[in-house]
Amino acid sequence: MSKVKFQFDKRTLTYRKVELSTKQRLLTVLGWLAGASVFAFLVIILFTTFFDSPKEKRLKREIAQLEIQYKLLGNRMNRVDQVLAELQEKDDDIYRVIFEAEPIPNSVREAGFGGVNRYKDLERLDNADIVIGTTKRLDELTKKLVVQSRSFDEVITLAKNKEEMLASIPAIQPVSNEKLTRVASGFNWRIHPIYKVRHFHTGIDFTAPRGTEIYATGDGVIEDVVSKGRGYGNHVIVDHGFGYQTLYAHMSRFKVRKGEKVKRGDVIGYVGSTGTSTAPHLHYEVIKNGEKINPMNFFFNDLSPEEYEKVIELSSQSNQSFD
């Protein structure tokens, strides 16, 4: 029930009932509505500022759960990265060493992605940093796994060829091991026998009587048979594959021809003193990927540990070479 208002009339000294016009009533109602609207608006502003709606609460819970999931995913990727690093280390330092393969360069393992920005579409997300960071980590791990997978495929192929490789690698002495004193000059700086100056001797000299048999030190193909009056003189080069070659110099005569296949232990020629040589001997070299290396590292099939020590001692003595 609406309240009735009275107004004191000073002229008649009596109270009379206040009667509002329709316009006044309408304005009063509009005033109340306007006030209520302003009050409601302020209440809504305050409520939304300091309190979350059920939908916002649900979204915040979902965001918090996603952040936790991203963090857990990051931890799992860290563990995967550690395991992958161990596999890479074993691959480079064990597997590829065993099978005579070059390690994979870090520039290949750590290579990034070129071209346009792969993460441009993610930059407009609210949590772009965490999403982009996780995506980048995942892409990096994927690339590393691809590189490692291909490396293992190569190692498997090398393992299948291991038997052939072991038979091909130079692994015996090129002349008979009856007298170890026949190792005259090793892989080191020596005095040239003719020019009497220091020069680097790129092989090992085995002194032996003229006509002593010379053996192929590993399976391979005769790459070249050269008759020459200077330098190496009459010499043979054997291509063993897998990056290995051996050279046998100063021969008196040959027993093989170019293109012929040989097995380890086959006689390929005979000791002589042709070319730049001062006495009958065999000058023997091992070449890996075009670089001459110390043949002493490849006598493991012929020598006992004691014999190997003795040969090293003899070949390392400071002396004059025969060529």
Protein backbone atom coordinates (compact mmCIF):
# COMPACT_ATOMS: atom_id res chain seq x y z
CA MET A 1 0.00 0.00 0.00
CA SER A 2 1.49 3.32 -1.07
CA LYS A 3 1.95 6.00 1.53
CA VAL A 4 -0.40 9.06 1.45
CA LYS A 5 1.35 12.43 1.70
CA PHE A 6 -0.17 15.57 3.27
CA GLN A 7 0.93 19.18 2.94
CA PHE A 8 0.17 22.01 5.51
CA ASP A 9 -1.77 24.89 4.01
CA LYS A 10 -0.70 28.11 5.74
CA ARG A 11 -3.63 30.01 4.34
CA THR A 12 -6.35 27.74 5.75
CA LEU A 13 -4.17 26.41 8.56
CA THR A 14 -5.19 22.86 7.64
CA TYR A 15 -3.53 19.75 6.12
CA ARG A 16 -4.54 18.77 2.67
CA LYS A 17 -3.82 15.62 0.77
CA VAL A 18 -1.05 15.91 -1.86
CA GLU A 19 -2.21 14.77 -5.21
CA LEU A 20 0.58 14.03 -7.81
CA SER A 21 -0.03 14.57 -11.45
CA THR A 22 0.57 11.84 -13.98
CA LYS A 23 3.70 13.60 -15.17
CA GLN A 24 5.10 13.84 -11.67
CA ARG A 25 4.38 10.20 -11.03
CA LEU A 26 6.10 9.24 -14.28
CA LEU A 27 9.18 11.30 -13.42
CA THR A 28 9.29 9.76 -9.97
CA VAL A 29 9.16 6.26 -11.41
CA LEU A 30 11.84 7.13 -13.96
CA GLY A 31 14.01 8.57 -11.21
CA TRP A 32 13.72 5.41 -9.20
CA LEU A 33 14.53 3.31 -12.24
CA ALA A 34 17.55 5.43 -13.10
CA GLY A 35 18.87 5.22 -9.57
CA ALA A 36 18.30 1.49 -9.47
CA SER A 37 20.09 1.09 -12.81
CA VAL A 38 23.12 3.12 -11.64
CA PHE A 39 23.23 1.15 -8.40
CA ALA A 40 22.96 -2.15 -10.27
CA PHE A 41 25.71 -1.08 -12.69
CA LEU A 42 28.03 -0.16 -9.82
CA VAL A 43 27.30 -3.43 -8.08
CA ILE A 44 28.07 -5.38 -11.28
CA ILE A 45 31.34 -3.45 -11.83
CA LEU A 46 32.46 -4.09 -8.25
CA PHE A 47 31.43 -7.74 -8.42
CA THR A 48 33.19 -8.45 -11.70
CA THR A 49 36.31 -6.60 -10.50
CA PHE A 50 36.75 -8.46 -7.26
CA PHE A 51 34.87 -11.68 -7.91
CA ASP A 52 35.04 -14.22 -10.75
CA SER A 53 32.05 -15.51 -12.52
CA PRO A 54 31.51 -19.30 -12.64
CA LYS A 55 32.65 -19.31 -16.27
CA GLU A 56 35.80 -17.32 -15.42
CA LYS A 57 36.53 -19.63 -12.52
CA ARG A 58 36.20 -22.63 -14.82
CA LEU A 59 38.46 -21.04 -17.45
CA LYS A 60 41.09 -20.14 -14.85
CA ARG A 61 41.06 -23.71 -13.55
CA GLU A 62 41.53 -24.96 -17.10
CA ILE A 63 44.41 -22.52 -17.70
CA ALA A 64 46.07 -23.58 -14.44
CA GLN A 65 45.72 -27.23 -15.44
CA LEU A 66 47.17 -26.49 -18.88
CA GLU A 67 50.14 -24.68 -17.31
CA ILE A 68 50.77 -27.69 -15.07
CA GLN A 69 50.53 -30.00 -18.09
CA TYR A 70 52.98 -27.81 -20.03
CA LYS A 71 55.36 -27.88 -17.07
CA LEU A 72 55.13 -31.66 -16.80
CA LEU A 73 55.61 -31.92 -20.56
CA GLY A 74 58.71 -29.72 -20.27
CA ASN A 75 60.12 -31.99 -17.55
CA ARG A 76 59.48 -35.06 -19.70
CA MET A 77 61.18 -33.41 -22.67
CA ASN A 78 64.18 -32.63 -20.43
CA ARG A 79 64.44 -36.33 -19.54
CA VAL A 80 64.09 -37.32 -23.19
CA ASP A 81 66.80 -34.79 -24.08
CA GLN A 82 69.13 -36.32 -21.47
CA VAL A 83 68.54 -39.84 -22.78
CA LEU A 84 69.04 -38.61 -26.35
CA ALA A 85 72.30 -36.90 -25.33
CA GLU A 86 73.55 -40.20 -23.89
CA LEU A 87 72.62 -42.00 -27.12
CA GLN A 88 74.44 -39.35 -29.16
CA GLU A 89 77.54 -39.70 -26.97
CA LYS A 90 77.54 -43.50 -27.32
CA ASP A 91 76.91 -43.18 -31.05
CA ASP A 92 79.87 -40.82 -31.61
CA ASP A 93 82.33 -42.26 -29.07
CA ILE A 94 81.57 -46.00 -29.27
CA TYR A 95 79.48 -47.23 -32.19
CA ARG A 96 80.93 -44.96 -34.87
CA VAL A 97 84.47 -45.48 -33.53
CA ILE A 98 84.07 -49.27 -33.68
CA PHE A 99 82.86 -49.11 -37.25
CA GLU A 100 85.41 -46.52 -38.39
CA ALA A 101 82.79 -43.85 -39.09
CA GLU A 102 83.17 -40.12 -38.59
CA PRO A 103 81.12 -38.66 -35.69
CA ILE A 104 78.13 -36.53 -36.62
CA PRO A 105 79.07 -32.82 -36.28
CA ASN A 106 77.25 -30.79 -33.64
CA SER A 107 76.33 -28.32 -36.38
CA VAL A 108 74.16 -31.07 -37.87
CA ARG A 109 72.72 -32.32 -34.57
CA GLU A 110 71.92 -28.82 -33.28
CA ALA A 111 70.82 -27.26 -36.58
CA GLY A 112 67.71 -25.10 -36.34
CA PHE A 113 64.85 -24.52 -38.73
CA GLY A 114 65.28 -21.91 -41.43
CA GLY A 115 62.73 -19.98 -43.45
CA VAL A 116 59.64 -18.14 -42.24
CA ASN A 117 58.55 -17.82 -38.64
CA ARG A 118 57.10 -21.25 -37.85
CA TYR A 119 55.38 -19.98 -34.70
CA LYS A 120 53.69 -16.83 -36.02
CA ASP A 121 50.19 -18.25 -35.56
CA LEU A 122 50.94 -19.01 -31.90
CA GLU A 123 51.99 -15.46 -31.05
CA ARG A 124 48.37 -14.27 -30.75
CA LEU A 125 47.58 -16.74 -27.94
CA ASP A 126 47.27 -15.49 -24.36
CA ASN A 127 50.00 -17.86 -23.14
CA ALA A 128 52.14 -17.49 -26.25
CA ASP A 129 55.50 -17.69 -24.44
CA ILE A 130 54.91 -21.06 -22.83
CA VAL A 131 53.20 -22.51 -25.92
CA ILE A 132 55.91 -21.30 -28.33
CA GLY A 133 58.71 -22.38 -25.98
CA THR A 134 57.28 -25.88 -25.61
CA THR A 135 56.65 -26.19 -29.34
CA LYS A 136 60.22 -25.15 -30.12
CA ARG A 137 61.61 -27.72 -27.67
CA LEU A 138 59.45 -30.40 -29.23
CA ASP A 139 60.60 -29.45 -32.75
CA GLU A 140 64.25 -29.53 -31.64
CA LEU A 141 63.84 -32.96 -30.06
CA THR A 142 62.07 -34.24 -33.16
CA LYS A 143 64.93 -33.06 -35.39
CA LYS A 144 67.56 -34.60 -33.09
CA LEU A 145 65.65 -37.89 -33.08
CA VAL A 146 65.50 -37.89 -36.88
CA VAL A 147 69.27 -37.28 -37.10
CA GLN A 148 69.96 -39.99 -34.52
CA SER A 149 67.63 -42.43 -36.26
CA ARG A 150 69.45 -41.92 -39.56
CA SER A 151 72.77 -42.36 -37.76
CA PHE A 152 71.63 -45.69 -36.31
CA ASP A 153 70.51 -46.77 -39.78
CA GLU A 154 74.04 -46.04 -40.97
CA VAL A 155 75.56 -47.91 -38.01
CA ILE A 156 73.35 -50.93 -38.78
CA THR A 157 74.62 -50.89 -42.36
CA LEU A 158 78.19 -50.63 -41.07
CA ALA A 159 77.58 -53.54 -38.71
CA LYS A 160 76.35 -55.68 -41.59
CA ASN A 161 79.56 -54.83 -43.43
CA LYS A 162 81.72 -55.35 -40.32
CA GLU A 163 83.01 -58.77 -41.40
CA GLU A 164 84.03 -57.41 -44.78
CA MET A 165 85.57 -54.35 -43.14
CA LEU A 166 87.60 -56.42 -40.64
CA ALA A 167 88.96 -58.51 -43.50
CA SER A 168 89.82 -55.39 -45.49
CA ILE A 169 91.54 -53.25 -42.86
CA PRO A 170 95.36 -53.65 -43.00
CA ALA A 171 96.11 -55.88 -40.01
CA ILE A 172 99.32 -57.86 -40.62
CA GLN A 173 102.95 -57.13 -41.44
CA PRO A 174 103.70 -57.00 -45.15
CA VAL A 175 106.79 -59.19 -44.75
CA SER A 176 107.48 -62.29 -42.68
CA ASN A 177 107.82 -61.73 -38.94
CA GLU A 178 110.75 -64.11 -38.51
CA LYS A 179 113.22 -61.40 -37.48
CA LEU A 180 111.88 -58.30 -35.78
CA THR A 181 115.24 -56.59 -36.22
CA ARG A 182 114.23 -56.07 -39.84
CA VAL A 183 112.12 -53.04 -38.86
CA ALA A 184 114.66 -50.41 -39.80
CA SER A 185 112.90 -47.07 -39.83
CA GLY A 186 109.52 -45.97 -38.56
CA PHE A 187 106.87 -43.32 -39.09
CA ASN A 188 108.69 -40.21 -37.90
CA TRP A 189 111.31 -37.60 -38.70
CA ARG A 190 114.38 -39.25 -40.23
CA ILE A 191 117.62 -38.39 -42.03
CA HIS A 192 117.28 -38.84 -45.78
CA PRO A 193 119.83 -41.46 -46.93
CA ILE A 194 120.88 -39.53 -50.02
CA TYR A 195 120.24 -35.84 -49.31
CA LYS A 196 121.27 -36.10 -45.61
CA VAL A 197 118.53 -33.73 -44.43
CA ARG A 198 115.71 -34.30 -41.96
CA HIS A 199 112.47 -35.28 -43.63
CA PHE A 200 109.28 -36.89 -42.42
CA HIS A 201 109.27 -40.61 -43.17
CA THR A 202 105.64 -41.46 -44.03
CA GLY A 203 105.85 -45.24 -43.65
CA ILE A 204 107.86 -48.10 -42.17
CA ASP A 205 110.97 -49.66 -43.74
CA PHE A 206 111.35 -53.44 -43.43
CA THR A 207 114.84 -54.62 -44.30
CA ALA A 208 114.82 -58.02 -45.98
CA PRO A 209 116.85 -59.94 -48.58
CA ARG A 210 116.07 -59.20 -52.20
CA GLY A 211 113.27 -61.46 -53.40
CA THR A 212 111.55 -61.79 -50.00
CA GLU A 213 107.79 -62.20 -50.45
CA ILE A 214 105.57 -59.19 -49.80
CA TYR A 215 102.02 -59.84 -48.57
CA ALA A 216 98.81 -57.86 -48.98
CA THR A 217 97.89 -56.74 -45.46
CA GLY A 218 94.14 -56.82 -46.08
CA ASP A 219 91.53 -57.78 -48.66
CA GLY A 220 91.24 -55.35 -51.54
CA VAL A 221 91.74 -54.51 -55.19
CA ILE A 222 95.03 -53.62 -56.83
CA GLU A 223 94.56 -49.94 -57.61
CA ASP A 224 97.88 -49.37 -59.35
CA VAL A 225 101.06 -51.21 -60.37
CA VAL A 226 103.84 -48.74 -61.18
CA SER A 227 107.28 -49.34 -62.65
CA LYS A 228 109.47 -46.35 -61.91
CA GLY A 229 113.17 -45.56 -61.65
CA ARG A 230 112.88 -42.86 -58.99
CA GLY A 231 111.00 -42.19 -55.75
CA TYR A 232 109.02 -45.26 -54.72
CA GLY A 233 110.49 -47.23 -57.59
CA ASN A 234 108.42 -50.29 -58.51
CA HIS A 235 105.42 -50.07 -56.22
CA VAL A 236 101.88 -51.37 -55.75
CA ILE A 237 98.86 -49.58 -54.27
CA VAL A 238 96.02 -51.67 -52.84
CA ASP A 239 92.56 -50.15 -52.31
CA HIS A 240 90.95 -51.91 -49.33
CA GLY A 241 87.74 -49.89 -49.33
CA PHE A 242 86.35 -48.18 -46.23
CA GLY A 243 88.79 -45.32 -46.90
CA TYR A 244 91.94 -47.48 -46.58
CA GLN A 245 94.82 -47.88 -49.01
CA THR A 246 98.28 -49.42 -48.61
CA LEU A 247 101.43 -48.75 -50.60
CA TYR A 248 104.33 -51.22 -51.08
CA ALA A 249 107.46 -49.61 -52.56
CA HIS A 250 110.90 -50.49 -53.99
CA MET A 251 109.81 -53.94 -55.21
CA SER A 252 112.13 -56.02 -57.39
CA ARG A 253 109.15 -57.45 -59.30
CA PHE A 254 105.37 -57.79 -59.14
CA LYS A 255 103.06 -60.75 -58.82
CA VAL A 256 99.76 -58.89 -59.41
CA ARG A 257 98.20 -56.68 -62.05
CA LYS A 258 95.99 -53.61 -61.86
CA GLY A 259 92.34 -54.38 -61.05
CA GLU A 260 93.09 -57.80 -59.54
CA LYS A 261 91.36 -58.75 -56.28
CA VAL A 262 93.61 -59.93 -53.45
CA LYS A 263 93.08 -61.46 -50.03
CA ARG A 264 94.99 -60.73 -46.86
CA GLY A 265 98.21 -62.74 -46.97
CA ASP A 266 98.38 -63.05 -50.78
CA VAL A 267 101.83 -62.46 -52.25
CA ILE A 268 101.76 -59.30 -54.35
CA GLY A 269 105.47 -58.87 -55.10
CA TYR A 270 109.04 -59.22 -53.88
CA VAL A 271 111.47 -57.05 -51.93
CA GLY A 272 113.92 -55.05 -54.01
CA SER A 273 115.82 -51.75 -54.07
CA THR A 274 114.30 -49.89 -57.01
CA GLY A 275 113.74 -46.14 -57.09
CA THR A 276 115.34 -43.91 -54.46
CA SER A 277 116.67 -46.67 -52.22
CA THR A 278 120.04 -47.45 -50.66
CA ALA A 279 119.49 -51.15 -49.84
CA PRO A 280 116.94 -53.93 -50.35
CA HIS A 281 113.91 -53.19 -48.21
CA LEU A 282 110.15 -52.67 -48.32
CA HIS A 283 108.78 -49.20 -47.70
CA TYR A 284 105.20 -49.71 -46.46
CA GLU A 285 102.51 -47.04 -46.01
CA VAL A 286 98.93 -47.01 -44.72
CA ILE A 287 96.64 -44.28 -46.06
CA LYS A 288 93.24 -43.44 -44.52
CA ASN A 289 90.93 -41.04 -46.38
CA GLY A 290 93.89 -39.64 -48.29
CA GLU A 291 96.06 -39.07 -45.20
CA LYS A 292 99.15 -41.15 -44.44
CA ILE A 293 99.02 -42.61 -40.93
CA ASN A 294 101.33 -44.70 -38.76
CA PRO A 295 101.32 -48.33 -39.97
CA MET A 296 102.36 -49.45 -36.48
CA ASN A 297 98.72 -49.11 -35.44
CA PHE A 298 97.72 -51.97 -37.77
CA PHE A 299 99.86 -54.97 -36.83
CA PHE A 300 97.44 -56.35 -34.24
CA ASN A 301 96.85 -59.65 -36.09
CA ASP A 302 100.55 -60.52 -36.28
CA LEU A 303 102.20 -59.50 -33.03
CA SER A 304 101.93 -60.43 -29.39
CA PRO A 305 102.02 -57.54 -26.89
CA GLU A 306 105.71 -58.22 -26.24
CA GLU A 307 106.54 -58.29 -29.94
CA TYR A 308 104.52 -55.14 -30.52
CA GLU A 309 106.49 -53.33 -27.81
CA LYS A 310 109.75 -54.45 -29.43
CA VAL A 311 108.69 -53.31 -32.90
CA ILE A 312 107.66 -49.91 -31.53
CA GLU A 313 111.06 -49.58 -29.87
CA LEU A 314 112.90 -50.52 -33.05
CA SER A 315 110.84 -48.30 -35.35
CA SER A 316 111.10 -45.28 -33.04
CA GLN A 317 114.90 -45.29 -32.85
CA SER A 318 116.49 -42.19 -34.31
CA ASN A 319 118.22 -43.35 -37.47
CA GLN A 320 118.49 -42.92 -41.20
CA SER A 321 115.78 -44.20 -43.51
CA PHE A 322 116.51 -46.38 -46.55
CA ASP A 323 114.56 -44.16 -48.98
